[in-house]
Amino acid sequence: MNERDVFPAEATSNRLLRSDGLELFLRRHVIGQDSIIANLSNHLKYGWCNLSTPGRPRGTLFLLGPTGVGKTESIRAAVEYMYGSTDRNFLRLDMSEFSRQAGEEALMNLIGTPGGKSIGRMGAFLEQCDEGMILYDEIEKSHPAIFTILLQQLDAARITLSNNRTYDLSGFFIAATSNIGAQVFQNIKHLSERRLQQNLEMQLKERFSPEFVARFGKFGHEILIFRPLKPEHLRLIARKFYSLLLPQYKQSHGVDIYGFTANVIEETLRSIDNTRNGARELRSNIERKVRKLVFDLLLRHPGGGIRGWIDTVSAEPENLCLHPEEPTHEVILCQ
């Protein structure tokens, strides 16, 4: 199966019913969260097959955990599998853009202006799609008024916007992510699974009303805990990032980096102070290193037209080398 193919709804439904394709797809895209992937996959499959309660959203998900552990990525991957792309049936709302500090103007950007002159991002999305995924990313940062709007969506699968039109959301999945309780994960080695859940549940109910949390569902089913990433997970993610980023400069700049050694990964992990920000910090770190690497190579070879593999992304220019010869030891090939 080509992961980038656009799947017709009928074909997707059959694949979801007959195979564990969604679960396998999520495991390939979301590293280090194997303990919750099966529950996440099952919940999405039940919703896709319209097994949710009538008059409710197709499915609801509340994903908890520290930053950079795959919460948003898991939703993106699920949307790509179910709808073939994240371009159309997916509305991701970064709630830091719709915070109390952002003011009423930001809220109107979401739900529209009084009188319906503008229907906002939500209205524009719902005018185009009658099914899909709506993600409230980092929900704890949102404007208080958004919780009232969201309760209507969770309760009755509908939303009334400033144009006084009520939209049916029964064909949509509604998901939220939160970094609440991130400090709990710093002491995770000393907590049992039950104590971890109890701590997070207590913090959720301190920040949100118990009624709001209950609208999403129960822990272990609709409310899922994403764990901090371990060093072995970060190695796999670094390998993935490098193998995707390095080939991008072949066509644009004539720099064909077709492989790299394990030393590149270890060197990168050593340059990160800690794993507190997970894959998010790792991605930005690798992007900076790759840009610097390609820039320095272009200084040496202005016309491009070079090909080889690397065994360092060190900042010292004398260490930079694109090896043209065939490697005599293991080299990780780019995708």
C-alpha atoms as a PDB file:
ATOM      1  CA  MET A   1       0.000   0.000   0.000  1.00  0.00           C
ATOM      2  CA  ASN A   2       1.322   3.411  -0.944  1.00  0.00           C
ATOM      3  CA  GLU A   3       0.934   5.621   2.137  1.00  0.00           C
ATOM      4  CA  ARG A   4       0.385   8.712   0.002  1.00  0.00           C
ATOM      5  CA  ASP A   5      -2.450   7.271  -2.050  1.00  0.00           C
ATOM      6  CA  VAL A   6      -5.864   8.887  -1.786  1.00  0.00           C
ATOM      7  CA  PHE A   7      -8.309   6.203  -0.713  1.00  0.00           C
ATOM      8  CA  PRO A   8     -12.003   6.296  -1.651  1.00  0.00           C
ATOM      9  CA  ALA A   9     -14.288   6.148   1.389  1.00  0.00           C
ATOM     10  CA  GLU A  10     -15.586   2.683   0.428  1.00  0.00           C
ATOM     11  CA  ALA A  11     -12.088   1.265   0.057  1.00  0.00           C
ATOM     12  CA  THR A  12     -10.994   2.813   3.351  1.00  0.00           C
ATOM     13  CA  SER A  13     -14.017   1.378   5.154  1.00  0.00           C
ATOM     14  CA  ASN A  14     -13.261  -2.090   3.813  1.00  0.00           C
ATOM     15  CA  ARG A  15      -9.610  -1.822   4.832  1.00  0.00           C
ATOM     16  CA  LEU A  16     -10.546  -0.701   8.326  1.00  0.00           C
ATOM     17  CA  LEU A  17     -12.973  -3.573   8.710  1.00  0.00           C
ATOM     18  CA  ARG A  18     -10.834  -6.353   7.259  1.00  0.00           C
ATOM     19  CA  SER A  19      -7.343  -5.612   8.483  1.00  0.00           C
ATOM     20  CA  ASP A  20      -5.146  -4.076  11.145  1.00  0.00           C
ATOM     21  CA  GLY A  21      -3.830  -1.612   8.567  1.00  0.00           C
ATOM     22  CA  LEU A  22      -4.645   1.484  10.606  1.00  0.00           C
ATOM     23  CA  GLU A  23      -2.849   0.128  13.675  1.00  0.00           C
ATOM     24  CA  LEU A  24       0.225  -0.797  11.635  1.00  0.00           C
ATOM     25  CA  PHE A  25       0.179   2.591   9.930  1.00  0.00           C
ATOM     26  CA  LEU A  26       0.059   4.386  13.303  1.00  0.00           C
ATOM     27  CA  ARG A  27       2.881   2.251  14.697  1.00  0.00           C
ATOM     28  CA  ARG A  28       5.088   3.238  11.751  1.00  0.00           C
ATOM     29  CA  HIS A  29       4.364   6.934  12.191  1.00  0.00           C
ATOM     30  CA  VAL A  30       4.146   7.265  15.984  1.00  0.00           C
ATOM     31  CA  ILE A  31       7.253   5.908  17.681  1.00  0.00           C
ATOM     32  CA  GLY A  32       7.422   4.933  21.348  1.00  0.00           C
ATOM     33  CA  GLN A  33       3.674   4.759  22.095  1.00  0.00           C
ATOM     34  CA  ASP A  34       2.914   1.098  21.421  1.00  0.00           C
ATOM     35  CA  SER A  35       0.939   0.736  24.663  1.00  0.00           C
ATOM     36  CA  ILE A  36      -1.922   2.956  23.461  1.00  0.00           C
ATOM     37  CA  ILE A  37      -1.882   2.506  19.672  1.00  0.00           C
ATOM     38  CA  ALA A  38      -4.287  -0.458  19.712  1.00  0.00           C
ATOM     39  CA  ASN A  39      -6.884   1.464  21.773  1.00  0.00           C
ATOM     40  CA  LEU A  40      -6.486   4.549  19.588  1.00  0.00           C
ATOM     41  CA  SER A  41      -6.857   2.495  16.414  1.00  0.00           C
ATOM     42  CA  ASN A  42      -9.924   0.620  17.686  1.00  0.00           C
ATOM     43  CA  HIS A  43     -11.685   3.797  18.741  1.00  0.00           C
ATOM     44  CA  LEU A  44     -11.140   5.341  15.319  1.00  0.00           C
ATOM     45  CA  LYS A  45     -12.316   2.181  13.536  1.00  0.00           C
ATOM     46  CA  TYR A  46     -15.524   2.025  15.607  1.00  0.00           C
ATOM     47  CA  GLY A  47     -16.238   5.648  14.782  1.00  0.00           C
ATOM     48  CA  TRP A  48     -15.456   5.176  11.107  1.00  0.00           C
ATOM     49  CA  CYS A  49     -18.036   2.394  10.989  1.00  0.00           C
ATOM     50  CA  ASN A  50     -20.600   4.698  12.678  1.00  0.00           C
ATOM     51  CA  LEU A  51     -20.836   2.642  15.865  1.00  0.00           C
ATOM     52  CA  SER A  52     -20.926   5.744  18.060  1.00  0.00           C
ATOM     53  CA  THR A  53     -24.056   6.856  19.926  1.00  0.00           C
ATOM     54  CA  PRO A  54     -26.580   8.559  17.605  1.00  0.00           C
ATOM     55  CA  GLY A  55     -26.525  12.333  17.967  1.00  0.00           C
ATOM     56  CA  ARG A  56     -22.916  12.337  19.127  1.00  0.00           C
ATOM     57  CA  PRO A  57     -19.670  12.943  17.230  1.00  0.00           C
ATOM     58  CA  ARG A  58     -18.235  10.034  15.299  1.00  0.00           C
ATOM     59  CA  GLY A  59     -15.604   9.735  17.986  1.00  0.00           C
ATOM     60  CA  THR A  60     -13.962  11.754  20.761  1.00  0.00           C
ATOM     61  CA  LEU A  61     -10.351  11.589  21.897  1.00  0.00           C
ATOM     62  CA  PHE A  62      -8.402  13.365  24.627  1.00  0.00           C
ATOM     63  CA  LEU A  63      -4.644  12.756  24.321  1.00  0.00           C
ATOM     64  CA  LEU A  64      -2.455  13.608  27.322  1.00  0.00           C
ATOM     65  CA  GLY A  65       1.292  13.687  27.735  1.00  0.00           C
ATOM     66  CA  PRO A  66       4.395  15.876  27.674  1.00  0.00           C
ATOM     67  CA  THR A  67       5.304  17.866  24.581  1.00  0.00           C
ATOM     68  CA  GLY A  68       6.840  16.201  21.540  1.00  0.00           C
ATOM     69  CA  VAL A  69       5.742  12.612  22.190  1.00  0.00           C
ATOM     70  CA  GLY A  70       3.428  12.092  19.205  1.00  0.00           C
ATOM     71  CA  LYS A  71      -0.024  13.310  20.264  1.00  0.00           C
ATOM     72  CA  THR A  72      -0.588  15.589  17.283  1.00  0.00           C
ATOM     73  CA  GLU A  73       1.346  13.298  14.941  1.00  0.00           C
ATOM     74  CA  SER A  74      -0.936  10.371  15.811  1.00  0.00           C
ATOM     75  CA  ILE A  75      -3.999  12.401  14.800  1.00  0.00           C
ATOM     76  CA  ARG A  76      -2.326  13.526  11.574  1.00  0.00           C
ATOM     77  CA  ALA A  77      -1.376   9.948  10.723  1.00  0.00           C
ATOM     78  CA  ALA A  78      -4.909   8.690  11.423  1.00  0.00           C
ATOM     79  CA  VAL A  79      -6.412  11.370   9.186  1.00  0.00           C
ATOM     80  CA  GLU A  80      -3.962  10.522   6.406  1.00  0.00           C
ATOM     81  CA  TYR A  81      -4.894   6.846   6.608  1.00  0.00           C
ATOM     82  CA  MET A  82      -8.658   7.372   6.800  1.00  0.00           C
ATOM     83  CA  TYR A  83      -9.023  10.204   4.300  1.00  0.00           C
ATOM     84  CA  GLY A  84      -5.901   9.783   2.166  1.00  0.00           C
ATOM     85  CA  SER A  85      -4.536  13.247   2.988  1.00  0.00           C
ATOM     86  CA  THR A  86      -4.460  15.893   5.714  1.00  0.00           C
ATOM     87  CA  ASP A  87      -5.225  18.634   3.185  1.00  0.00           C
ATOM     88  CA  ARG A  88      -9.020  18.598   3.250  1.00  0.00           C
ATOM     89  CA  ASN A  89     -10.809  16.683   6.019  1.00  0.00           C
ATOM     90  CA  PHE A  90      -8.614  17.905   8.869  1.00  0.00           C
ATOM     91  CA  LEU A  91      -8.942  21.085  10.933  1.00  0.00           C
ATOM     92  CA  ARG A  92      -6.101  21.559  13.417  1.00  0.00           C
ATOM     93  CA  LEU A  93      -6.630  24.463  15.789  1.00  0.00           C
ATOM     94  CA  ASP A  94      -3.556  25.593  17.734  1.00  0.00           C
ATOM     95  CA  MET A  95      -5.281  26.880  20.841  1.00  0.00           C
ATOM     96  CA  SER A  96      -2.433  29.243  21.692  1.00  0.00           C
ATOM     97  CA  GLU A  97      -3.828  31.297  18.780  1.00  0.00           C
ATOM     98  CA  PHE A  98      -7.241  31.360  20.487  1.00  0.00           C
ATOM     99  CA  SER A  99      -6.215  32.092  24.068  1.00  0.00           C
ATOM    100  CA  ARG A 100      -7.609  34.581  26.576  1.00  0.00           C
ATOM    101  CA  GLN A 101      -4.552  36.755  25.870  1.00  0.00           C
ATOM    102  CA  ALA A 102      -5.361  36.741  22.142  1.00  0.00           C
ATOM    103  CA  GLY A 103      -8.692  38.378  22.976  1.00  0.00           C
ATOM    104  CA  GLU A 104     -12.134  38.414  21.417  1.00  0.00           C
ATOM    105  CA  GLU A 105     -10.767  39.114  17.935  1.00  0.00           C
ATOM    106  CA  ALA A 106      -9.034  35.733  17.893  1.00  0.00           C
ATOM    107  CA  LEU A 107     -12.268  34.086  18.996  1.00  0.00           C
ATOM    108  CA  MET A 108     -14.084  35.706  16.082  1.00  0.00           C
ATOM    109  CA  ASN A 109     -11.408  34.362  13.749  1.00  0.00           C
ATOM    110  CA  LEU A 110     -12.560  30.934  14.856  1.00  0.00           C
ATOM    111  CA  ILE A 111     -16.365  31.199  14.933  1.00  0.00           C
ATOM    112  CA  GLY A 112     -16.955  34.294  12.794  1.00  0.00           C
ATOM    113  CA  THR A 113     -17.985  37.888  13.345  1.00  0.00           C
ATOM    114  CA  PRO A 114     -21.381  39.055  14.628  1.00  0.00           C
ATOM    115  CA  GLY A 115     -23.879  39.296  11.804  1.00  0.00           C
ATOM    116  CA  GLY A 116     -22.174  36.556   9.827  1.00  0.00           C
ATOM    117  CA  LYS A 117     -19.952  38.807   7.722  1.00  0.00           C
ATOM    118  CA  SER A 118     -17.193  36.277   8.328  1.00  0.00           C
ATOM    119  CA  ILE A 119     -17.849  32.656   9.293  1.00  0.00           C
ATOM    120  CA  GLY A 120     -14.343  32.127  10.668  1.00  0.00           C
ATOM    121  CA  ARG A 121     -12.033  29.149  10.265  1.00  0.00           C
ATOM    122  CA  MET A 122     -14.554  26.727  11.724  1.00  0.00           C
ATOM    123  CA  GLY A 123     -17.302  27.834   9.359  1.00  0.00           C
ATOM    124  CA  ALA A 124     -15.005  27.782   6.324  1.00  0.00           C
ATOM    125  CA  PHE A 125     -13.989  24.218   7.170  1.00  0.00           C
ATOM    126  CA  LEU A 126     -17.561  23.004   7.762  1.00  0.00           C
ATOM    127  CA  GLU A 127     -18.768  24.604   4.525  1.00  0.00           C
ATOM    128  CA  GLN A 128     -16.285  22.409   2.646  1.00  0.00           C
ATOM    129  CA  CYS A 129     -16.519  19.149   4.582  1.00  0.00           C
ATOM    130  CA  ASP A 130     -19.317  17.082   6.072  1.00  0.00           C
ATOM    131  CA  GLU A 131     -16.931  14.608   7.731  1.00  0.00           C
ATOM    132  CA  GLY A 132     -13.406  14.623   9.071  1.00  0.00           C
ATOM    133  CA  MET A 133     -11.331  15.397  12.159  1.00  0.00           C
ATOM    134  CA  ILE A 134     -11.347  18.552  14.302  1.00  0.00           C
ATOM    135  CA  LEU A 135      -8.328  18.811  16.602  1.00  0.00           C
ATOM    136  CA  TYR A 136      -8.077  21.276  19.495  1.00  0.00           C
ATOM    137  CA  ASP A 137      -4.316  21.232  20.037  1.00  0.00           C
ATOM    138  CA  GLU A 138      -3.121  22.139  23.560  1.00  0.00           C
ATOM    139  CA  ILE A 139      -6.684  22.736  24.710  1.00  0.00           C
ATOM    140  CA  GLU A 140      -5.573  24.117  28.104  1.00  0.00           C
ATOM    141  CA  LYS A 141      -4.420  27.321  26.376  1.00  0.00           C
ATOM    142  CA  SER A 142      -7.795  28.143  24.842  1.00  0.00           C
ATOM    143  CA  HIS A 143     -10.108  31.068  25.551  1.00  0.00           C
ATOM    144  CA  PRO A 144     -12.754  30.176  28.207  1.00  0.00           C
ATOM    145  CA  ALA A 145     -15.554  30.760  25.695  1.00  0.00           C
ATOM    146  CA  ILE A 146     -14.236  27.928  23.556  1.00  0.00           C
ATOM    147  CA  PHE A 147     -15.094  25.390  26.245  1.00  0.00           C
ATOM    148  CA  THR A 148     -18.758  26.388  25.964  1.00  0.00           C
ATOM    149  CA  ILE A 149     -18.579  25.983  22.195  1.00  0.00           C
ATOM    150  CA  LEU A 150     -16.837  22.641  22.545  1.00  0.00           C
ATOM    151  CA  LEU A 151     -19.377  21.303  25.044  1.00  0.00           C
ATOM    152  CA  GLN A 152     -22.099  21.782  22.433  1.00  0.00           C
ATOM    153  CA  GLN A 153     -20.042  19.788  19.962  1.00  0.00           C
ATOM    154  CA  LEU A 154     -19.370  16.949  22.395  1.00  0.00           C
ATOM    155  CA  ASP A 155     -22.930  16.829  23.748  1.00  0.00           C
ATOM    156  CA  ALA A 156     -25.020  17.048  20.612  1.00  0.00           C
ATOM    157  CA  ALA A 157     -22.609  16.958  17.640  1.00  0.00           C
ATOM    158  CA  ARG A 158     -23.516  20.419  16.468  1.00  0.00           C
ATOM    159  CA  ILE A 159     -22.217  23.975  16.510  1.00  0.00           C
ATOM    160  CA  THR A 160     -23.992  27.268  15.853  1.00  0.00           C
ATOM    161  CA  LEU A 161     -21.741  29.943  14.378  1.00  0.00           C
ATOM    162  CA  SER A 162     -22.081  33.687  14.109  1.00  0.00           C
ATOM    163  CA  ASN A 163     -24.039  33.382  10.858  1.00  0.00           C
ATOM    164  CA  ASN A 164     -26.790  31.712  12.968  1.00  0.00           C
ATOM    165  CA  ARG A 165     -26.378  28.504  11.011  1.00  0.00           C
ATOM    166  CA  THR A 166     -26.164  25.253  12.956  1.00  0.00           C
ATOM    167  CA  TYR A 167     -23.764  22.684  11.532  1.00  0.00           C
ATOM    168  CA  ASP A 168     -24.093  18.929  12.023  1.00  0.00           C
ATOM    169  CA  LEU A 169     -20.903  17.375  13.426  1.00  0.00           C
ATOM    170  CA  SER A 170     -22.083  13.763  13.646  1.00  0.00           C
ATOM    171  CA  GLY A 171     -19.717  12.847  10.801  1.00  0.00           C
ATOM    172  CA  PHE A 172     -16.667  14.262  12.577  1.00  0.00           C
ATOM    173  CA  PHE A 173     -14.135  13.007  15.072  1.00  0.00           C
ATOM    174  CA  ILE A 174     -13.355  15.597  17.763  1.00  0.00           C
ATOM    175  CA  ALA A 175      -9.975  15.367  19.463  1.00  0.00           C
ATOM    176  CA  ALA A 176      -8.049  17.443  21.975  1.00  0.00           C
ATOM    177  CA  THR A 177      -4.471  17.302  23.200  1.00  0.00           C
ATOM    178  CA  SER A 178      -3.047  18.646  26.435  1.00  0.00           C
ATOM    179  CA  ASN A 179       0.343  18.965  28.118  1.00  0.00           C
ATOM    180  CA  ILE A 180      -1.334  19.257  31.523  1.00  0.00           C
ATOM    181  CA  GLY A 181       0.479  17.198  34.128  1.00  0.00           C
ATOM    182  CA  ALA A 182       3.772  17.273  32.217  1.00  0.00           C
ATOM    183  CA  GLN A 183       5.657  17.525  35.510  1.00  0.00           C
ATOM    184  CA  VAL A 184       4.111  14.227  36.611  1.00  0.00           C
ATOM    185  CA  PHE A 185       6.075  12.462  33.874  1.00  0.00           C
ATOM    186  CA  GLN A 186       9.367  13.673  35.317  1.00  0.00           C
ATOM    187  CA  ASN A 187       8.809  11.261  38.225  1.00  0.00           C
ATOM    188  CA  ILE A 188       7.241   8.526  36.127  1.00  0.00           C
ATOM    189  CA  LYS A 189       9.757   5.856  37.250  1.00  0.00           C
ATOM    190  CA  HIS A 190       8.367   6.116  40.766  1.00  0.00           C
ATOM    191  CA  LEU A 191       4.707   5.879  39.764  1.00  0.00           C
ATOM    192  CA  SER A 192       2.627   2.839  38.970  1.00  0.00           C
ATOM    193  CA  GLU A 193       0.278   2.985  35.998  1.00  0.00           C
ATOM    194  CA  ARG A 194      -2.667   3.441  38.349  1.00  0.00           C
ATOM    195  CA  ARG A 195      -1.011   6.271  40.300  1.00  0.00           C
ATOM    196  CA  LEU A 196      -0.004   7.985  37.066  1.00  0.00           C
ATOM    197  CA  GLN A 197      -3.596   7.894  35.841  1.00  0.00           C
ATOM    198  CA  GLN A 198      -4.911   9.126  39.205  1.00  0.00           C
ATOM    199  CA  ASN A 199      -2.468  12.046  39.190  1.00  0.00           C
ATOM    200  CA  LEU A 200      -3.381  13.061  35.668  1.00  0.00           C
ATOM    201  CA  GLU A 201      -7.097  12.683  36.335  1.00  0.00           C
ATOM    202  CA  MET A 202      -6.807  14.921  39.390  1.00  0.00           C
ATOM    203  CA  GLN A 203      -4.917  17.593  37.445  1.00  0.00           C
ATOM    204  CA  LEU A 204      -7.394  17.439  34.579  1.00  0.00           C
ATOM    205  CA  LYS A 205     -10.308  18.019  36.925  1.00  0.00           C
ATOM    206  CA  GLU A 206      -8.468  20.904  38.594  1.00  0.00           C
ATOM    207  CA  ARG A 207      -7.998  22.600  35.238  1.00  0.00           C
ATOM    208  CA  PHE A 208     -11.288  21.579  33.577  1.00  0.00           C
ATOM    209  CA  SER A 209     -14.664  20.756  35.032  1.00  0.00           C
ATOM    210  CA  PRO A 210     -15.307  17.042  35.694  1.00  0.00           C
ATOM    211  CA  GLU A 211     -18.308  17.323  33.339  1.00  0.00           C
ATOM    212  CA  PHE A 212     -16.075  18.559  30.524  1.00  0.00           C
ATOM    213  CA  VAL A 213     -13.589  15.697  30.969  1.00  0.00           C
ATOM    214  CA  ALA A 214     -16.410  13.161  31.168  1.00  0.00           C
ATOM    215  CA  ARG A 215     -17.769  14.313  27.796  1.00  0.00           C
ATOM    216  CA  PHE A 216     -14.675  12.849  26.136  1.00  0.00           C
ATOM    217  CA  GLY A 217     -14.918   9.453  27.815  1.00  0.00           C
ATOM    218  CA  LYS A 218     -12.835   7.280  30.122  1.00  0.00           C
ATOM    219  CA  PHE A 219      -9.146   6.785  30.701  1.00  0.00           C
ATOM    220  CA  GLY A 220      -7.734   3.947  28.640  1.00  0.00           C
ATOM    221  CA  HIS A 221     -10.508   4.245  26.056  1.00  0.00           C
ATOM    222  CA  GLU A 222     -11.102   7.785  24.790  1.00  0.00           C
ATOM    223  CA  ILE A 223      -8.620   9.478  27.156  1.00  0.00           C
ATOM    224  CA  LEU A 224      -5.146   8.164  26.365  1.00  0.00           C
ATOM    225  CA  ILE A 225      -1.790   8.810  28.044  1.00  0.00           C
ATOM    226  CA  PHE A 226       1.276   9.300  25.837  1.00  0.00           C
ATOM    227  CA  ARG A 227       4.537   8.420  27.575  1.00  0.00           C
ATOM    228  CA  PRO A 228       7.859  10.297  27.506  1.00  0.00           C
ATOM    229  CA  LEU A 229      10.201   9.077  24.795  1.00  0.00           C
ATOM    230  CA  LYS A 230      13.181   6.930  25.737  1.00  0.00           C
ATOM    231  CA  PRO A 231      16.647   7.291  24.130  1.00  0.00           C
ATOM    232  CA  GLU A 232      15.999   4.289  21.864  1.00  0.00           C
ATOM    233  CA  HIS A 233      12.832   5.987  20.594  1.00  0.00           C
ATOM    234  CA  LEU A 234      14.701   9.223  19.924  1.00  0.00           C
ATOM    235  CA  ARG A 235      17.285   7.260  17.921  1.00  0.00           C
ATOM    236  CA  LEU A 236      14.574   5.848  15.688  1.00  0.00           C
ATOM    237  CA  ILE A 237      12.973   9.265  15.263  1.00  0.00           C
ATOM    238  CA  ALA A 238      16.324  10.891  14.475  1.00  0.00           C
ATOM    239  CA  ARG A 239      16.958   8.227  11.850  1.00  0.00           C
ATOM    240  CA  LYS A 240      13.579   8.961  10.303  1.00  0.00           C
ATOM    241  CA  PHE A 241      14.122  12.747  10.269  1.00  0.00           C
ATOM    242  CA  TYR A 242      17.577  12.491   8.698  1.00  0.00           C
ATOM    243  CA  SER A 243      16.462  10.007   6.053  1.00  0.00           C
ATOM    244  CA  LEU A 244      13.627  12.347   5.036  1.00  0.00           C
ATOM    245  CA  LEU A 245      15.509  15.668   5.182  1.00  0.00           C
ATOM    246  CA  LEU A 246      18.862  14.884   3.560  1.00  0.00           C
ATOM    247  CA  PRO A 247      17.550  13.851   0.096  1.00  0.00           C
ATOM    248  CA  GLN A 248      15.615  17.115  -0.303  1.00  0.00           C
ATOM    249  CA  TYR A 249      18.721  18.960  -1.539  1.00  0.00           C
ATOM    250  CA  LYS A 250      19.505  16.617  -4.435  1.00  0.00           C
ATOM    251  CA  GLN A 251      17.249  18.312  -6.989  1.00  0.00           C
ATOM    252  CA  SER A 252      17.289  21.830  -5.583  1.00  0.00           C
ATOM    253  CA  HIS A 253      21.025  22.221  -4.856  1.00  0.00           C
ATOM    254  CA  GLY A 254      22.805  19.266  -6.444  1.00  0.00           C
ATOM    255  CA  VAL A 255      23.871  17.874  -3.058  1.00  0.00           C
ATOM    256  CA  ASP A 256      23.043  14.154  -3.077  1.00  0.00           C
ATOM    257  CA  ILE A 257      23.477  12.839   0.461  1.00  0.00           C
ATOM    258  CA  TYR A 258      22.234   9.282   0.100  1.00  0.00           C
ATOM    259  CA  GLY A 259      23.203   7.897   3.497  1.00  0.00           C
ATOM    260  CA  PHE A 260      24.617   8.511   6.970  1.00  0.00           C
ATOM    261  CA  THR A 261      26.213   6.500   9.752  1.00  0.00           C
ATOM    262  CA  ALA A 262      24.926   5.737  13.231  1.00  0.00           C
ATOM    263  CA  ASN A 263      27.521   8.227  14.493  1.00  0.00           C
ATOM    264  CA  VAL A 264      25.422  11.051  13.041  1.00  0.00           C
ATOM    265  CA  ILE A 265      22.493   9.996  15.215  1.00  0.00           C
ATOM    266  CA  GLU A 266      24.584   9.602  18.380  1.00  0.00           C
ATOM    267  CA  GLU A 267      26.247  12.950  17.744  1.00  0.00           C
ATOM    268  CA  THR A 268      22.840  14.581  17.432  1.00  0.00           C
ATOM    269  CA  LEU A 269      21.455  13.030  20.626  1.00  0.00           C
ATOM    270  CA  ARG A 270      24.522  14.203  22.559  1.00  0.00           C
ATOM    271  CA  SER A 271      23.847  17.766  21.421  1.00  0.00           C
ATOM    272  CA  ILE A 272      20.385  17.769  23.042  1.00  0.00           C
ATOM    273  CA  ASP A 273      20.405  18.874  26.668  1.00  0.00           C
ATOM    274  CA  ASN A 274      17.552  16.585  27.694  1.00  0.00           C
ATOM    275  CA  THR A 275      14.531  14.701  26.377  1.00  0.00           C
ATOM    276  CA  ARG A 276      12.013  17.060  27.981  1.00  0.00           C
ATOM    277  CA  ASN A 277      10.702  18.317  24.647  1.00  0.00           C
ATOM    278  CA  GLY A 278      10.836  14.949  22.923  1.00  0.00           C
ATOM    279  CA  ALA A 279      10.714  14.730  19.145  1.00  0.00           C
ATOM    280  CA  ARG A 280       9.867  18.426  18.785  1.00  0.00           C
ATOM    281  CA  GLU A 281      13.296  19.508  20.051  1.00  0.00           C
ATOM    282  CA  LEU A 282      14.944  16.716  18.082  1.00  0.00           C
ATOM    283  CA  ARG A 283      13.327  17.780  14.806  1.00  0.00           C
ATOM    284  CA  SER A 284      14.347  21.435  15.151  1.00  0.00           C
ATOM    285  CA  ASN A 285      17.875  20.400  16.155  1.00  0.00           C
ATOM    286  CA  ILE A 286      18.240  18.155  13.102  1.00  0.00           C
ATOM    287  CA  GLU A 287      16.803  20.790  10.756  1.00  0.00           C
ATOM    288  CA  ARG A 288      19.429  23.288  11.960  1.00  0.00           C
ATOM    289  CA  LYS A 289      22.239  20.756  11.568  1.00  0.00           C
ATOM    290  CA  VAL A 290      21.171  19.741   8.061  1.00  0.00           C
ATOM    291  CA  ARG A 291      20.901  23.357   6.881  1.00  0.00           C
ATOM    292  CA  LYS A 292      24.365  24.118   8.287  1.00  0.00           C
ATOM    293  CA  LEU A 293      25.801  20.953   6.731  1.00  0.00           C
ATOM    294  CA  VAL A 294      24.416  21.660   3.259  1.00  0.00           C
ATOM    295  CA  PHE A 295      25.443  25.323   3.425  1.00  0.00           C
ATOM    296  CA  ASP A 296      29.051  24.427   4.290  1.00  0.00           C
ATOM    297  CA  LEU A 297      29.145  21.798   1.543  1.00  0.00           C
ATOM    298  CA  LEU A 298      27.901  24.357  -0.977  1.00  0.00           C
ATOM    299  CA  LEU A 299      30.652  26.773   0.111  1.00  0.00           C
ATOM    300  CA  ARG A 300      33.168  24.111  -0.884  1.00  0.00           C
ATOM    301  CA  HIS A 301      31.304  23.042  -4.007  1.00  0.00           C
ATOM    302  CA  PRO A 302      29.335  26.099  -5.252  1.00  0.00           C
ATOM    303  CA  GLY A 303      28.053  24.304  -8.329  1.00  0.00           C
ATOM    304  CA  GLY A 304      26.728  21.306  -6.419  1.00  0.00           C
ATOM    305  CA  GLY A 305      26.933  18.074  -8.357  1.00  0.00           C
ATOM    306  CA  ILE A 306      28.330  16.126  -5.403  1.00  0.00           C
ATOM    307  CA  ARG A 307      27.226  12.764  -4.070  1.00  0.00           C
ATOM    308  CA  GLY A 308      28.109  10.652  -1.075  1.00  0.00           C
ATOM    309  CA  TRP A 309      27.419   9.725   2.534  1.00  0.00           C
ATOM    310  CA  ILE A 310      28.221  11.490   5.807  1.00  0.00           C
ATOM    311  CA  ASP A 311      29.518  10.329   9.156  1.00  0.00           C
ATOM    312  CA  THR A 312      29.287  13.656  11.014  1.00  0.00           C
ATOM    313  CA  VAL A 313      27.129  16.756  11.269  1.00  0.00           C
ATOM    314  CA  SER A 314      29.692  18.475  13.461  1.00  0.00           C
ATOM    315  CA  ALA A 315      29.813  22.264  13.334  1.00  0.00           C
ATOM    316  CA  GLU A 316      33.601  22.251  12.786  1.00  0.00           C
ATOM    317  CA  PRO A 317      34.196  22.870   9.037  1.00  0.00           C
ATOM    318  CA  GLU A 318      37.334  20.693   8.956  1.00  0.00           C
ATOM    319  CA  ASN A 319      35.260  17.685  10.005  1.00  0.00           C
ATOM    320  CA  LEU A 320      32.639  18.064   7.289  1.00  0.00           C
ATOM    321  CA  CYS A 321      33.013  15.575   4.484  1.00  0.00           C
ATOM    322  CA  LEU A 322      30.703  14.077   1.904  1.00  0.00           C
ATOM    323  CA  HIS A 323      32.395  10.728   1.302  1.00  0.00           C
ATOM    324  CA  PRO A 324      32.209   9.813  -2.394  1.00  0.00           C
ATOM    325  CA  GLU A 325      33.655   6.321  -2.052  1.00  0.00           C
ATOM    326  CA  GLU A 326      31.625   3.216  -1.282  1.00  0.00           C
ATOM    327  CA  PRO A 327      31.302   2.795   2.498  1.00  0.00           C
ATOM    328  CA  THR A 328      33.217  -0.046   4.138  1.00  0.00           C
ATOM    329  CA  HIS A 329      30.912  -0.088   7.164  1.00  0.00           C
ATOM    330  CA  GLU A 330      27.180   0.177   7.722  1.00  0.00           C
ATOM    331  CA  VAL A 331      25.514   3.263   6.295  1.00  0.00           C
ATOM    332  CA  ILE A 332      21.848   4.070   6.817  1.00  0.00           C
ATOM    333  CA  LEU A 333      20.311   4.780   3.432  1.00  0.00           C
ATOM    334  CA  CYS A 334      17.930   7.711   3.032  1.00  0.00           C
ATOM    335  CA  GLN A 335      14.356   7.105   1.969  1.00  0.00           C
END
